[in-house]
Amino acid sequence: MNTIPPNNERQSLTLESVAQLLTRATQQLDTNTVDALRRARNIALERQLQKKPVFALNTGHGAHWLIPHSTHQWVAAVILFVAILFGGVNYWQHTQEHELAHLDIAILTDDMPLEIFVD
């Protein structure tokens, strides 16, 4: 049996007709099925209403949002701090090596101005 109506019938379906079809279908269900569906619905609603703590650095309390409150927030803040610190040190070290390399090349090729040796 084909459950998909042809295009001309598909357009004639409205929200009211779908609601009527569903109502008629639910009236044909036995009481055990209806009770099981009702229990499943209630369990789903109870799970939806449960509030679980959400990991967030911003608690929405003005200036207090800068201070982590939970263990997860402290761990995230420490990891972020270490990553920023490591990146900064790595960038600084790379810059220093790059400057020293240019200085070494200038000394080896005798491209240094005389003012550097006079100092």
C-alpha atoms as a PDB file:
ATOM      1  CA  MET A   1       0.000   0.000   0.000  1.00  0.00           C
ATOM      2  CA  ASN A   2       1.399   3.380  -1.035  1.00  0.00           C
ATOM      3  CA  THR A   3       1.290   5.790   1.938  1.00  0.00           C
ATOM      4  CA  ILE A   4       2.514   8.852   0.027  1.00  0.00           C
ATOM      5  CA  PRO A   5      -0.411  10.608  -1.649  1.00  0.00           C
ATOM      6  CA  PRO A   6      -0.013  11.979  -5.173  1.00  0.00           C
ATOM      7  CA  ASN A   7       0.971  15.637  -5.568  1.00  0.00           C
ATOM      8  CA  ASN A   8      -2.592  16.930  -5.972  1.00  0.00           C
ATOM      9  CA  GLU A   9      -3.691  15.154  -2.768  1.00  0.00           C
ATOM     10  CA  ARG A  10      -0.562  16.220  -0.904  1.00  0.00           C
ATOM     11  CA  GLN A  11      -1.460  19.877  -1.377  1.00  0.00           C
ATOM     12  CA  SER A  12      -4.969  19.357  -0.015  1.00  0.00           C
ATOM     13  CA  LEU A  13      -3.655  18.158   3.359  1.00  0.00           C
ATOM     14  CA  THR A  14      -3.980  20.882   5.955  1.00  0.00           C
ATOM     15  CA  LEU A  15      -3.021  21.016   9.584  1.00  0.00           C
ATOM     16  CA  GLU A  16      -6.610  20.384  10.615  1.00  0.00           C
ATOM     17  CA  SER A  17      -6.931  17.303   8.432  1.00  0.00           C
ATOM     18  CA  VAL A  18      -3.645  15.895   9.764  1.00  0.00           C
ATOM     19  CA  ALA A  19      -4.818  16.543  13.324  1.00  0.00           C
ATOM     20  CA  GLN A  20      -8.122  14.778  12.607  1.00  0.00           C
ATOM     21  CA  LEU A  21      -6.299  11.791  11.095  1.00  0.00           C
ATOM     22  CA  LEU A  22      -4.029  11.539  14.127  1.00  0.00           C
ATOM     23  CA  THR A  23      -6.966  11.825  16.520  1.00  0.00           C
ATOM     24  CA  ARG A  24      -8.799   9.011  14.715  1.00  0.00           C
ATOM     25  CA  ALA A  25      -5.657   6.876  14.762  1.00  0.00           C
ATOM     26  CA  THR A  26      -5.132   7.368  18.504  1.00  0.00           C
ATOM     27  CA  GLN A  27      -8.736   6.389  19.216  1.00  0.00           C
ATOM     28  CA  GLN A  28      -8.002   3.008  17.638  1.00  0.00           C
ATOM     29  CA  LEU A  29      -5.080   2.265  20.005  1.00  0.00           C
ATOM     30  CA  ASP A  30      -5.571  -0.125  22.905  1.00  0.00           C
ATOM     31  CA  THR A  31      -5.245   1.108  26.499  1.00  0.00           C
ATOM     32  CA  ASN A  32      -1.855  -0.554  27.080  1.00  0.00           C
ATOM     33  CA  THR A  33      -0.330   1.309  24.158  1.00  0.00           C
ATOM     34  CA  VAL A  34      -1.883   4.606  25.258  1.00  0.00           C
ATOM     35  CA  ASP A  35      -0.582   4.108  28.815  1.00  0.00           C
ATOM     36  CA  ALA A  36       2.911   3.274  27.522  1.00  0.00           C
ATOM     37  CA  LEU A  37       2.917   6.389  25.323  1.00  0.00           C
ATOM     38  CA  ARG A  38       1.710   8.525  28.246  1.00  0.00           C
ATOM     39  CA  ARG A  39       4.482   7.153  30.508  1.00  0.00           C
ATOM     40  CA  ALA A  40       7.104   7.751  27.819  1.00  0.00           C
ATOM     41  CA  ARG A  41       5.853  11.317  27.358  1.00  0.00           C
ATOM     42  CA  ASN A  42       5.977  11.998  31.113  1.00  0.00           C
ATOM     43  CA  ILE A  43       9.502  10.576  31.384  1.00  0.00           C
ATOM     44  CA  ALA A  44      10.624  12.723  28.454  1.00  0.00           C
ATOM     45  CA  LEU A  45       9.106  15.831  30.035  1.00  0.00           C
ATOM     46  CA  GLU A  46      10.744  15.087  33.391  1.00  0.00           C
ATOM     47  CA  ARG A  47      14.145  14.697  31.736  1.00  0.00           C
ATOM     48  CA  GLN A  48      13.651  17.912  29.822  1.00  0.00           C
ATOM     49  CA  LEU A  49      12.826  19.872  32.977  1.00  0.00           C
ATOM     50  CA  GLN A  50      15.868  18.670  34.912  1.00  0.00           C
ATOM     51  CA  LYS A  51      18.443  21.392  35.182  1.00  0.00           C
ATOM     52  CA  LYS A  52      22.030  20.268  34.920  1.00  0.00           C
ATOM     53  CA  PRO A  53      25.008  22.528  35.604  1.00  0.00           C
ATOM     54  CA  VAL A  54      26.333  23.954  32.379  1.00  0.00           C
ATOM     55  CA  PHE A  55      30.022  24.578  31.846  1.00  0.00           C
ATOM     56  CA  ALA A  56      30.507  28.277  31.194  1.00  0.00           C
ATOM     57  CA  LEU A  57      33.163  30.795  32.083  1.00  0.00           C
ATOM     58  CA  ASN A  58      30.567  33.570  32.223  1.00  0.00           C
ATOM     59  CA  THR A  59      28.180  33.286  35.163  1.00  0.00           C
ATOM     60  CA  GLY A  60      26.355  36.493  34.267  1.00  0.00           C
ATOM     61  CA  HIS A  61      26.942  38.210  37.626  1.00  0.00           C
ATOM     62  CA  GLY A  62      28.677  41.407  36.600  1.00  0.00           C
ATOM     63  CA  ALA A  63      32.386  41.446  37.456  1.00  0.00           C
ATOM     64  CA  HIS A  64      32.218  38.020  39.123  1.00  0.00           C
ATOM     65  CA  TRP A  65      32.272  36.306  35.742  1.00  0.00           C
ATOM     66  CA  LEU A  66      36.061  36.640  35.615  1.00  0.00           C
ATOM     67  CA  ILE A  67      36.513  34.317  38.594  1.00  0.00           C
ATOM     68  CA  PRO A  68      35.985  30.610  37.819  1.00  0.00           C
ATOM     69  CA  HIS A  69      33.615  28.869  40.228  1.00  0.00           C
ATOM     70  CA  SER A  70      33.635  25.162  39.357  1.00  0.00           C
ATOM     71  CA  THR A  71      36.469  22.708  38.954  1.00  0.00           C
ATOM     72  CA  HIS A  72      35.888  22.515  35.204  1.00  0.00           C
ATOM     73  CA  GLN A  73      36.148  26.288  34.926  1.00  0.00           C
ATOM     74  CA  TRP A  74      39.398  26.345  36.927  1.00  0.00           C
ATOM     75  CA  VAL A  75      40.882  23.616  34.742  1.00  0.00           C
ATOM     76  CA  ALA A  76      39.803  25.441  31.559  1.00  0.00           C
ATOM     77  CA  ALA A  77      41.241  28.720  32.855  1.00  0.00           C
ATOM     78  CA  VAL A  78      44.583  27.085  33.732  1.00  0.00           C
ATOM     79  CA  ILE A  79      44.788  25.354  30.344  1.00  0.00           C
ATOM     80  CA  LEU A  80      44.009  28.638  28.592  1.00  0.00           C
ATOM     81  CA  PHE A  81      46.622  30.492  30.653  1.00  0.00           C
ATOM     82  CA  VAL A  82      49.300  27.851  29.963  1.00  0.00           C
ATOM     83  CA  ALA A  83      48.489  27.878  26.235  1.00  0.00           C
ATOM     84  CA  ILE A  84      48.758  31.680  26.063  1.00  0.00           C
ATOM     85  CA  LEU A  85      51.963  31.663  28.108  1.00  0.00           C
ATOM     86  CA  PHE A  86      53.529  28.907  25.979  1.00  0.00           C
ATOM     87  CA  GLY A  87      52.535  30.708  22.775  1.00  0.00           C
ATOM     88  CA  GLY A  88      53.993  33.996  24.000  1.00  0.00           C
ATOM     89  CA  VAL A  89      57.293  32.456  25.089  1.00  0.00           C
ATOM     90  CA  ASN A  90      57.551  30.511  21.835  1.00  0.00           C
ATOM     91  CA  TYR A  91      56.886  33.675  19.790  1.00  0.00           C
ATOM     92  CA  TRP A  92      59.440  35.680  21.784  1.00  0.00           C
ATOM     93  CA  GLN A  93      62.078  32.953  21.428  1.00  0.00           C
ATOM     94  CA  HIS A  94      61.473  32.677  17.685  1.00  0.00           C
ATOM     95  CA  THR A  95      61.772  36.462  17.311  1.00  0.00           C
ATOM     96  CA  GLN A  96      65.044  36.515  19.271  1.00  0.00           C
ATOM     97  CA  GLU A  97      66.513  33.691  17.167  1.00  0.00           C
ATOM     98  CA  HIS A  98      65.440  35.463  13.992  1.00  0.00           C
ATOM     99  CA  GLU A  99      67.137  38.721  15.077  1.00  0.00           C
ATOM    100  CA  LEU A 100      70.321  36.892  16.064  1.00  0.00           C
ATOM    101  CA  ALA A 101      70.381  35.066  12.733  1.00  0.00           C
ATOM    102  CA  HIS A 102      70.190  38.373  10.865  1.00  0.00           C
ATOM    103  CA  LEU A 103      72.964  39.793  13.030  1.00  0.00           C
ATOM    104  CA  ASP A 104      75.176  36.732  12.413  1.00  0.00           C
ATOM    105  CA  ILE A 105      74.612  36.961   8.665  1.00  0.00           C
ATOM    106  CA  ALA A 106      75.478  40.659   8.688  1.00  0.00           C
ATOM    107  CA  ILE A 107      78.710  40.018  10.625  1.00  0.00           C
ATOM    108  CA  LEU A 108      79.758  37.156   8.358  1.00  0.00           C
ATOM    109  CA  THR A 109      79.128  39.113   5.160  1.00  0.00           C
ATOM    110  CA  ASP A 110      80.741  42.326   6.449  1.00  0.00           C
ATOM    111  CA  ASP A 111      77.536  44.285   5.888  1.00  0.00           C
ATOM    112  CA  MET A 112      77.662  45.849   9.345  1.00  0.00           C
ATOM    113  CA  PRO A 113      77.854  49.630   9.475  1.00  0.00           C
ATOM    114  CA  LEU A 114      80.897  51.140  11.189  1.00  0.00           C
ATOM    115  CA  GLU A 115      78.733  52.728  13.899  1.00  0.00           C
ATOM    116  CA  ILE A 116      78.133  49.333  15.458  1.00  0.00           C
ATOM    117  CA  PHE A 117      81.838  48.684  15.983  1.00  0.00           C
ATOM    118  CA  VAL A 118      82.479  52.180  17.371  1.00  0.00           C
ATOM    119  CA  ASP A 119      80.006  51.740  20.217  1.00  0.00           C
END
